[in-house]
C-alpha atoms as a PDB file:
ATOM      1  CA  MET A   1     -53.644  48.520-109.020  1.00  0.00           C
ATOM      2  CA  LEU A   2     -53.829  50.230-105.645  1.00  0.00           C
ATOM      3  CA  SER A   3     -50.809  50.294-103.412  1.00  0.00           C
ATOM      4  CA  TYR A   4     -50.906  48.551-100.083  1.00  0.00           C
ATOM      5  CA  GLN A   5     -49.273  51.507 -98.359  1.00  0.00           C
ATOM      6  CA  CYS A   6     -51.874  53.919 -99.739  1.00  0.00           C
ATOM      7  CA  ILE A   7     -54.754  51.909 -98.239  1.00  0.00           C
ATOM      8  CA  GLN A   8     -52.748  51.375 -95.044  1.00  0.00           C
ATOM      9  CA  ASP A   9     -52.329  55.150 -94.734  1.00  0.00           C
ATOM     10  CA  VAL A  10     -56.086  55.681 -95.152  1.00  0.00           C
ATOM     11  CA  LEU A  11     -56.835  53.147 -92.432  1.00  0.00           C
ATOM     12  CA  LEU A  12     -54.259  54.647 -90.067  1.00  0.00           C
ATOM     13  CA  SER A  13     -55.424  58.201 -90.620  1.00  0.00           C
ATOM     14  CA  THR A  14     -59.047  57.323 -89.885  1.00  0.00           C
ATOM     15  CA  GLY A  15     -58.301  55.265 -86.788  1.00  0.00           C
ATOM     16  CA  ALA A  16     -59.605  51.994 -88.220  1.00  0.00           C
ATOM     17  CA  ALA A  17     -59.014  49.045 -85.911  1.00  0.00           C
ATOM     18  CA  VAL A  18     -57.545  46.879 -88.709  1.00  0.00           C
ATOM     19  CA  ASN A  19     -54.639  47.177 -91.113  1.00  0.00           C
ATOM     20  CA  ALA A  20     -54.916  46.973 -94.910  1.00  0.00           C
ATOM     21  CA  ALA A  21     -54.150  43.243 -95.012  1.00  0.00           C
ATOM     22  CA  LYS A  22     -56.801  42.364 -92.439  1.00  0.00           C
ATOM     23  CA  ALA A  23     -59.375  44.649 -94.077  1.00  0.00           C
ATOM     24  CA  HIS A  24     -58.770  42.966 -97.434  1.00  0.00           C
ATOM     25  CA  GLY A  25     -58.916  39.513 -95.879  1.00  0.00           C
ATOM     26  CA  MET A  26     -62.262  40.421 -94.286  1.00  0.00           C
ATOM     27  CA  LEU A  27     -63.587  41.573 -97.635  1.00  0.00           C
ATOM     28  CA  VAL A  28     -62.508  38.413 -99.426  1.00  0.00           C
ATOM     29  CA  GLY A  29     -64.006  36.230 -96.686  1.00  0.00           C
ATOM     30  CA  MET A  30     -67.280  38.141 -96.885  1.00  0.00           C
ATOM     31  CA  LEU A  31     -67.346  37.846-100.696  1.00  0.00           C
ATOM     32  CA  CYS A  32     -66.580  34.123-100.562  1.00  0.00           C
ATOM     33  CA  LEU A  33     -69.475  33.583 -98.201  1.00  0.00           C
ATOM     34  CA  ASP A  34     -71.861  35.832-100.120  1.00  0.00           C
ATOM     35  CA  ASP A  35     -70.846  37.329-103.444  1.00  0.00           C
ATOM     36  CA  THR A  36     -73.622  39.906-103.100  1.00  0.00           C
ATOM     37  CA  VAL A  37     -72.003  41.572-100.068  1.00  0.00           C
ATOM     38  CA  ASP A  38     -72.577  45.275-100.395  1.00  0.00           C
ATOM     39  CA  ARG A  39     -69.587  47.577-100.148  1.00  0.00           C
ATOM     40  CA  GLU A  40     -71.276  49.424 -97.268  1.00  0.00           C
ATOM     41  CA  GLN A  41     -71.402  46.177 -95.280  1.00  0.00           C
ATOM     42  CA  TRP A  42     -67.653  45.846 -95.683  1.00  0.00           C
ATOM     43  CA  LEU A  43     -67.042  49.497 -94.824  1.00  0.00           C
ATOM     44  CA  ASP A  44     -69.132  49.019 -91.672  1.00  0.00           C
ATOM     45  CA  ALA A  45     -67.029  45.985 -90.729  1.00  0.00           C
ATOM     46  CA  VAL A  46     -63.753  47.851 -91.255  1.00  0.00           C
ATOM     47  CA  PHE A  47     -64.597  51.331 -89.983  1.00  0.00           C
ATOM     48  CA  SER A  48     -67.727  50.911 -87.830  1.00  0.00           C
ATOM     49  CA  GLU A  49     -68.556  54.400 -86.529  1.00  0.00           C
ATOM     50  CA  ASP A  50     -65.387  55.819 -88.089  1.00  0.00           C
ATOM     51  CA  LYS A  51     -66.789  55.392 -91.615  1.00  0.00           C
ATOM     52  CA  ALA A  52     -67.974  59.011 -91.520  1.00  0.00           C
ATOM     53  CA  ALA A  53     -64.352  60.101 -90.973  1.00  0.00           C
ATOM     54  CA  LEU A  54     -63.452  59.068 -94.529  1.00  0.00           C
ATOM     55  CA  HIS A  55     -63.202  62.056 -96.806  1.00  0.00           C
ATOM     56  CA  GLN A  56     -64.290  61.665-100.422  1.00  0.00           C
ATOM     57  CA  GLY A  57     -60.816  60.822-101.767  1.00  0.00           C
ATOM     58  CA  GLN A  58     -60.170  58.219 -99.073  1.00  0.00           C
ATOM     59  CA  ARG A  59     -63.582  56.662 -99.601  1.00  0.00           C
ATOM     60  CA  ALA A  60     -62.927  56.456-103.348  1.00  0.00           C
ATOM     61  CA  LEU A  61     -59.603  54.652-102.763  1.00  0.00           C
ATOM     62  CA  VAL A  62     -61.113  52.146-100.358  1.00  0.00           C
ATOM     63  CA  LEU A  63     -64.050  51.500-102.682  1.00  0.00           C
ATOM     64  CA  ASP A  64     -61.604  50.970-105.560  1.00  0.00           C
ATOM     65  CA  LEU A  65     -60.077  48.174-103.468  1.00  0.00           C
ATOM     66  CA  TYR A  66     -63.553  46.702-102.970  1.00  0.00           C
ATOM     67  CA  GLU A  67     -64.352  46.821-106.705  1.00  0.00           C
ATOM     68  CA  ASP A  68     -60.952  45.456-107.788  1.00  0.00           C
ATOM     69  CA  THR A  69     -61.163  42.637-105.278  1.00  0.00           C
ATOM     70  CA  ARG A  70     -64.675  41.665-106.262  1.00  0.00           C
ATOM     71  CA  ARG A  71     -63.727  41.634-109.952  1.00  0.00           C
ATOM     72  CA  LEU A  72     -60.454  39.713-109.499  1.00  0.00           C
ATOM     73  CA  LEU A  73     -62.001  37.120-107.189  1.00  0.00           C
ATOM     74  CA  THR A  74     -64.491  36.146-109.881  1.00  0.00           C
ATOM     75  CA  ASP A  75     -62.142  36.409-112.902  1.00  0.00           C
ATOM     76  CA  ILE A  76     -61.866  33.118-114.739  1.00  0.00           C
ATOM     77  CA  ASP A  77     -58.124  33.642-115.297  1.00  0.00           C
ATOM     78  CA  PHE A  78     -57.345  33.300-111.554  1.00  0.00           C
ATOM     79  CA  SER A  79     -55.798  36.768-111.375  1.00  0.00           C
ATOM     80  CA  PHE A  80     -56.848  37.245-107.747  1.00  0.00           C
ATOM     81  CA  GLU A  81     -53.981  38.315-105.469  1.00  0.00           C
ATOM     82  CA  LEU A  82     -53.710  38.820-101.729  1.00  0.00           C
ATOM     83  CA  PHE A  83     -53.430  42.486-100.788  1.00  0.00           C
ATOM     84  CA  LEU A  84     -50.119  42.513 -98.934  1.00  0.00           C
ATOM     85  CA  PRO A  85     -47.039  44.751 -98.629  1.00  0.00           C
ATOM     86  CA  ASP A  86     -44.673  44.839-101.599  1.00  0.00           C
ATOM     87  CA  ASP A  87     -41.775  42.388-101.882  1.00  0.00           C
ATOM     88  CA  ASP A  88     -39.281  45.123-100.982  1.00  0.00           C
ATOM     89  CA  THR A  89     -40.878  45.392 -97.522  1.00  0.00           C
ATOM     90  CA  ALA A  90     -39.080  43.568 -94.695  1.00  0.00           C
ATOM     91  CA  LEU A  91     -39.976  39.895 -94.466  1.00  0.00           C
ATOM     92  CA  ALA A  92     -41.131  40.240 -90.851  1.00  0.00           C
ATOM     93  CA  GLU A  93     -43.650  42.905 -91.855  1.00  0.00           C
ATOM     94  CA  ARG A  94     -44.899  40.831 -94.808  1.00  0.00           C
ATOM     95  CA  ALA A  95     -45.249  37.721 -92.621  1.00  0.00           C
ATOM     96  CA  TYR A  96     -47.203  39.718 -90.052  1.00  0.00           C
ATOM     97  CA  ALA A  97     -49.466  41.111 -92.794  1.00  0.00           C
ATOM     98  CA  LEU A  98     -50.069  37.606 -94.194  1.00  0.00           C
ATOM     99  CA  SER A  99     -51.060  36.425 -90.734  1.00  0.00           C
ATOM    100  CA  GLU A 100     -53.382  39.427 -90.361  1.00  0.00           C
ATOM    101  CA  TRP A 101     -54.819  38.781 -93.837  1.00  0.00           C
ATOM    102  CA  CYS A 102     -55.725  35.221 -92.835  1.00  0.00           C
ATOM    103  CA  GLN A 103     -57.277  36.422 -89.567  1.00  0.00           C
ATOM    104  CA  GLY A 104     -59.377  38.914 -91.512  1.00  0.00           C
ATOM    105  CA  PHE A 105     -60.400  36.256 -94.009  1.00  0.00           C
ATOM    106  CA  LEU A 106     -61.515  33.848 -91.299  1.00  0.00           C
ATOM    107  CA  SER A 107     -63.376  36.689 -89.596  1.00  0.00           C
ATOM    108  CA  GLY A 108     -65.102  37.655 -92.862  1.00  0.00           C
ATOM    109  CA  LEU A 109     -66.210  34.027 -93.256  1.00  0.00           C
ATOM    110  CA  ASN A 110     -67.371  33.896 -89.630  1.00  0.00           C
ATOM    111  CA  TYR A 111     -65.191  30.809 -89.351  1.00  0.00           C
ATOM    112  CA  GLU A 112     -65.123  28.920 -86.117  1.00  0.00           C
ATOM    113  CA  ALA A 113     -63.376  25.575 -85.964  1.00  0.00           C
ATOM    114  CA  GLY A 114     -65.993  22.847 -85.853  1.00  0.00           C
ATOM    115  CA  GLY A 115     -68.843  25.373 -85.954  1.00  0.00           C
ATOM    116  CA  ARG A 116     -70.155  24.596 -89.430  1.00  0.00           C
ATOM    117  CA  ALA A 117     -70.030  21.905 -92.078  1.00  0.00           C
ATOM    118  CA  TRP A 118     -67.930  23.339 -94.932  1.00  0.00           C
ATOM    119  CA  PRO A 119     -68.239  21.817 -98.416  1.00  0.00           C
ATOM    120  CA  GLY A 120     -65.503  19.922-100.267  1.00  0.00           C
ATOM    121  CA  ASP A 121     -61.951  20.758 -99.255  1.00  0.00           C
ATOM    122  CA  CYS A 122     -62.944  23.963 -97.455  1.00  0.00           C
ATOM    123  CA  ASP A 123     -62.608  22.637 -93.920  1.00  0.00           C
ATOM    124  CA  GLU A 124     -59.051  21.399 -94.482  1.00  0.00           C
ATOM    125  CA  VAL A 125     -57.985  24.643 -96.174  1.00  0.00           C
ATOM    126  CA  LEU A 126     -59.597  26.709 -93.411  1.00  0.00           C
ATOM    127  CA  ARG A 127     -57.721  24.765 -90.733  1.00  0.00           C
ATOM    128  CA  ASP A 128     -54.488  25.428 -92.629  1.00  0.00           C
ATOM    129  CA  LEU A 129     -55.319  29.135 -92.888  1.00  0.00           C
ATOM    130  CA  ARG A 130     -55.923  29.213 -89.146  1.00  0.00           C
ATOM    131  CA  ASP A 131     -52.378  27.847 -88.762  1.00  0.00           C
ATOM    132  CA  VAL A 132     -51.023  30.633 -90.994  1.00  0.00           C
ATOM    133  CA  CYS A 133     -52.426  33.095 -88.464  1.00  0.00           C
ATOM    134  CA  GLU A 134     -49.656  31.823 -86.156  1.00  0.00           C
ATOM    135  CA  LEU A 135     -46.773  32.700 -88.520  1.00  0.00           C
ATOM    136  CA  ASP A 136     -43.583  33.847 -86.826  1.00  0.00           C
ATOM    137  CA  PRO A 137     -43.040  37.413 -88.067  1.00  0.00           C
ATOM    138  CA  ASP A 138     -39.416  37.361 -86.874  1.00  0.00           C
ATOM    139  CA  ALA A 139     -38.291  35.130 -89.749  1.00  0.00           C
ATOM    140  CA  ALA A 140     -35.492  36.680 -91.799  1.00  0.00           C
ATOM    141  CA  GLY A 141     -33.374  34.107 -93.647  1.00  0.00           C
ATOM    142  CA  GLU A 142     -33.330  33.159 -97.312  1.00  0.00           C
ATOM    143  CA  ASP A 143     -35.170  29.919 -96.531  1.00  0.00           C
ATOM    144  CA  ASP A 144     -37.784  31.972 -94.688  1.00  0.00           C
ATOM    145  CA  GLU A 145     -38.260  34.167 -97.765  1.00  0.00           C
ATOM    146  CA  GLU A 146     -38.924  31.096 -99.886  1.00  0.00           C
ATOM    147  CA  ALA A 147     -41.286  29.681 -97.247  1.00  0.00           C
ATOM    148  CA  TYR A 148     -43.177  32.978 -97.152  1.00  0.00           C
ATOM    149  CA  MET A 149     -43.641  32.904-100.917  1.00  0.00           C
ATOM    150  CA  GLU A 150     -44.893  29.308-100.802  1.00  0.00           C
ATOM    151  CA  ILE A 151     -47.274  30.001 -97.929  1.00  0.00           C
ATOM    152  CA  SER A 152     -48.706  33.140 -99.527  1.00  0.00           C
ATOM    153  CA  GLU A 153     -49.258  31.232-102.782  1.00  0.00           C
ATOM    154  CA  PHE A 154     -50.940  28.416-100.821  1.00  0.00           C
ATOM    155  CA  VAL A 155     -53.234  30.974 -99.184  1.00  0.00           C
ATOM    156  CA  ARG A 156     -54.071  32.555-102.556  1.00  0.00           C
ATOM    157  CA  ILE A 157     -54.941  29.202-104.131  1.00  0.00           C
ATOM    158  CA  GLY A 158     -56.764  28.029-100.993  1.00  0.00           C
ATOM    159  CA  VAL A 159     -58.968  31.121-101.072  1.00  0.00           C
ATOM    160  CA  GLN A 160     -59.842  30.419-104.688  1.00  0.00           C
ATOM    161  CA  VAL A 161     -60.751  26.836-103.783  1.00  0.00           C
ATOM    162  CA  ILE A 162     -62.970  28.061-100.942  1.00  0.00           C
ATOM    163  CA  HIS A 163     -64.570  30.690-103.174  1.00  0.00           C
ATOM    164  CA  GLY A 164     -65.301  28.101-105.852  1.00  0.00           C
ATOM    165  CA  GLU A 165     -66.740  25.591-103.385  1.00  0.00           C
ATOM    166  CA  LEU A 166     -68.959  28.141-101.672  1.00  0.00           C
ATOM    167  CA  GLN A 167     -70.212  29.616-104.946  1.00  0.00           C
ATOM    168  CA  ARG A 168     -71.350  26.153-106.052  1.00  0.00           C
ATOM    169  CA  GLN A 169     -73.538  25.835-102.971  1.00  0.00           C
ATOM    170  CA  PRO A 170     -77.254  26.540-103.496  1.00  0.00           C
ATOM    171  CA  LYS A 171     -78.193  29.977-102.262  1.00  0.00           C
ATOM    172  CA  PRO A 172     -81.230  30.380-100.025  1.00  0.00           C
ATOM    173  CA  PRO A 173     -84.002  32.398-101.640  1.00  0.00           C
ATOM    174  CA  ARG A 174     -83.900  36.110-100.866  1.00  0.00           C
ATOM    175  CA  LEU A 175     -86.908  37.879 -99.471  1.00  0.00           C
ATOM    176  CA  HIS A 176     -87.456  41.389-100.789  1.00  0.00           C
END
Protein backbone atom coordinates (compact mmCIF):
# COMPACT_ATOMS: atom_id res chain seq x y z
CA MET A 1 0.00 0.00 0.00
CA LEU A 2 1.25 3.46 -0.89
CA SER A 3 1.87 5.98 1.83
CA TYR A 4 -0.17 9.14 1.96
CA GLN A 5 2.92 11.24 2.61
CA CYS A 6 4.69 9.81 -0.44
CA ILE A 7 1.86 10.85 -2.77
CA GLN A 8 1.54 14.18 -0.94
CA ASP A 9 5.24 14.83 -1.58
CA VAL A 10 4.81 14.08 -5.30
CA LEU A 11 1.90 16.51 -5.53
CA LEU A 12 3.77 19.23 -3.64
CA SER A 13 6.94 18.85 -5.67
CA THR A 14 5.07 19.15 -8.97
CA GLY A 15 2.97 22.13 -7.92
CA ALA A 16 -0.36 20.32 -8.19
CA ALA A 17 -3.27 22.44 -6.99
CA VAL A 18 -4.68 19.64 -4.79
CA ASN A 19 -3.39 17.56 -1.91
CA ALA A 20 -3.26 13.75 -1.84
CA ALA A 21 -6.63 13.43 -0.09
CA LYS A 22 -8.43 15.65 -2.58
CA ALA A 23 -6.75 13.96 -5.55
CA HIS A 24 -7.86 10.55 -4.27
CA GLY A 25 -11.37 11.80 -3.59
CA MET A 26 -11.54 13.13 -7.17
CA LEU A 27 -10.44 9.77 -8.50
CA VAL A 28 -13.01 7.85 -6.48
CA GLY A 29 -15.77 10.24 -7.53
CA MET A 30 -14.78 9.88 -11.18
CA LEU A 31 -14.69 6.07 -10.88
CA CYS A 32 -18.07 5.98 -9.15
CA LEU A 33 -19.59 8.00 -11.96
CA ASP A 34 -17.86 6.04 -14.71
CA ASP A 35 -15.82 2.96 -13.90
CA THR A 36 -14.11 3.23 -17.29
CA VAL A 37 -12.40 6.53 -16.40
CA ASP A 38 -8.96 6.44 -17.93
CA ARG A 39 -5.99 7.16 -15.70
CA GLU A 40 -4.96 10.00 -18.03
CA GLN A 41 -8.31 11.70 -17.42
CA TRP A 42 -7.61 11.64 -13.70
CA LEU A 43 -4.03 12.85 -14.17
CA ASP A 44 -5.36 15.73 -16.28
CA ALA A 45 -7.82 16.63 -13.51
CA VAL A 46 -5.11 16.58 -10.83
CA PHE A 47 -2.13 18.03 -12.67
CA SER A 48 -3.57 19.83 -15.72
CA GLU A 49 -0.57 21.31 -17.55
CA ASP A 50 1.78 20.19 -14.78
CA LYS A 51 1.36 16.52 -15.75
CA ALA A 52 4.52 16.79 -17.88
CA ALA A 53 6.45 17.77 -14.73
CA LEU A 54 6.07 14.25 -13.33
CA HIS A 55 9.23 12.25 -13.73
CA GLN A 56 8.94 8.53 -14.40
CA GLY A 57 9.18 7.47 -10.74
CA GLN A 58 6.58 10.00 -9.61
CA ARG A 59 4.24 9.01 -12.43
CA ALA A 60 4.60 5.34 -11.47
CA LEU A 61 3.68 6.11 -7.84
CA VAL A 62 0.63 8.15 -8.79
CA LEU A 63 -0.52 5.50 -11.26
CA ASP A 64 -0.09 2.85 -8.56
CA LEU A 65 -2.59 4.85 -6.49
CA TYR A 66 -4.96 4.89 -9.47
CA GLU A 67 -4.67 1.11 -9.99
CA ASP A 68 -4.98 0.26 -6.28
CA THR A 69 -8.00 2.51 -5.90
CA ARG A 70 -9.75 1.11 -8.94
CA ARG A 71 -9.16 -2.46 -7.75
CA LEU A 72 -10.19 -1.84 -4.12
CA LEU A 73 -13.32 0.09 -5.08
CA THR A 74 -14.63 -2.90 -7.01
CA ASP A 75 -13.45 -5.64 -4.60
CA ILE A 76 -16.35 -7.70 -3.31
CA ASP A 77 -14.81 -7.85 0.18
CA PHE A 78 -15.31 -4.08 0.74
CA SER A 79 -11.60 -3.48 1.28
CA PHE A 80 -11.79 0.06 -0.12
CA GLU A 81 -10.24 2.68 2.17
CA LEU A 82 -10.07 6.46 2.02
CA PHE A 83 -6.58 7.71 1.23
CA LEU A 84 -5.87 9.88 4.27
CA PRO A 85 -2.95 10.66 6.60
CA ASP A 86 -1.94 7.95 9.06
CA ASP A 87 -3.50 7.76 12.53
CA ASP A 88 -0.32 9.11 14.12
CA THR A 89 -0.83 12.41 12.26
CA ALA A 90 -2.40 15.25 14.27
CA LEU A 91 -6.19 15.09 14.38
CA ALA A 92 -6.53 18.60 12.92
CA GLU A 93 -4.53 17.56 9.85
CA ARG A 94 -6.54 14.35 9.43
CA ALA A 95 -9.84 16.24 9.77
CA TYR A 96 -8.70 18.75 7.17
CA ALA A 97 -7.68 15.92 4.82
CA LEU A 98 -11.06 14.19 5.29
CA SER A 99 -12.80 17.44 4.41
CA GLU A 100 -10.57 17.82 1.34
CA TRP A 101 -11.21 14.17 0.39
CA CYS A 102 -14.97 14.80 0.41
CA GLN A 103 -14.56 17.98 -1.65
CA GLY A 104 -12.52 16.04 -4.19
CA PHE A 105 -15.08 13.26 -4.27
CA LEU A 106 -17.96 15.64 -4.89
CA SER A 107 -15.90 17.38 -7.57
CA GLY A 108 -15.09 14.04 -9.25
CA LEU A 109 -18.82 13.26 -9.31
CA ASN A 110 -19.62 16.73 -10.65
CA TYR A 111 -22.04 16.98 -7.74
CA GLU A 112 -24.17 20.04 -7.41
CA ALA A 113 -26.93 20.10 -4.84
CA GLY A 114 -30.25 19.74 -6.62
CA GLY A 115 -28.56 19.56 -10.03
CA ARG A 116 -29.29 15.92 -10.83
CA ALA A 117 -31.57 13.09 -9.79
CA TRP A 118 -29.35 10.58 -7.95
CA PRO A 119 -30.54 6.97 -7.58
CA GLY A 120 -31.45 5.25 -4.30
CA ASP A 121 -29.82 6.67 -1.19
CA CYS A 122 -27.19 8.61 -3.14
CA ASP A 123 -28.73 12.05 -2.72
CA GLU A 124 -28.93 11.74 1.07
CA VAL A 125 -25.37 10.43 1.34
CA LEU A 126 -24.09 13.17 -0.97
CA ARG A 127 -25.74 15.86 1.16
CA ASP A 128 -24.06 14.35 4.22
CA LEU A 129 -20.69 14.30 2.44
CA ARG A 130 -21.16 17.96 1.57
CA ASP A 131 -21.58 18.58 5.31
CA VAL A 132 -18.33 16.72 6.03
CA CYS A 133 -16.59 19.29 3.83
CA GLU A 134 -17.32 21.75 6.66
CA LEU A 135 -15.48 19.76 9.37
CA ASP A 136 -13.72 21.84 11.99
CA PRO A 137 -10.03 20.95 11.64
CA ASP A 138 -9.25 22.48 15.05
CA ALA A 139 -10.80 19.56 16.94
CA ALA A 140 -8.37 17.93 19.36
CA GLY A 141 -10.09 16.10 22.22
CA GLU A 142 -10.62 12.39 22.79
CA ASP A 143 -14.29 12.73 21.84
CA ASP A 144 -13.19 14.46 18.64
CA GLU A 145 -10.89 11.54 17.82
CA GLU A 146 -13.80 9.12 18.17
CA ALA A 147 -16.04 11.40 16.09
CA TYR A 148 -13.39 11.57 13.38
CA MET A 149 -13.19 7.78 13.23
CA GLU A 150 -16.98 7.49 12.99
CA ILE A 151 -17.24 10.16 10.30
CA SER A 152 -14.44 8.68 8.20
CA GLU A 153 -16.08 5.25 8.42
CA PHE A 154 -19.42 6.81 7.42
CA VAL A 155 -17.74 8.41 4.41
CA ARG A 156 -16.09 5.11 3.43
CA ILE A 157 -19.38 3.19 3.61
CA GLY A 158 -21.30 6.03 1.95
CA VAL A 159 -18.91 5.98 -0.99
CA GLN A 160 -19.44 2.26 -1.38
CA VAL A 161 -23.21 2.78 -1.35
CA ILE A 162 -22.90 5.48 -4.02
CA HIS A 163 -20.57 3.31 -6.10
CA GLY A 164 -22.97 0.38 -5.91
CA GLU A 165 -26.01 2.49 -6.79
CA LEU A 166 -24.32 4.17 -9.74
CA GLN A 167 -22.90 0.92 -11.10
CA ARG A 168 -26.41 -0.57 -11.17
CA GLN A 169 -27.60 2.25 -13.42
CA PRO A 170 -27.85 1.42 -17.13
CA LYS A 171 -24.92 2.83 -19.06
CA PRO A 172 -25.56 4.78 -22.24
CA PRO A 173 -24.18 3.06 -25.33
CA ARG A 174 -20.68 4.14 -26.29
CA LEU A 175 -19.91 5.37 -29.76
CA HIS A 176 -16.55 4.28 -31.14
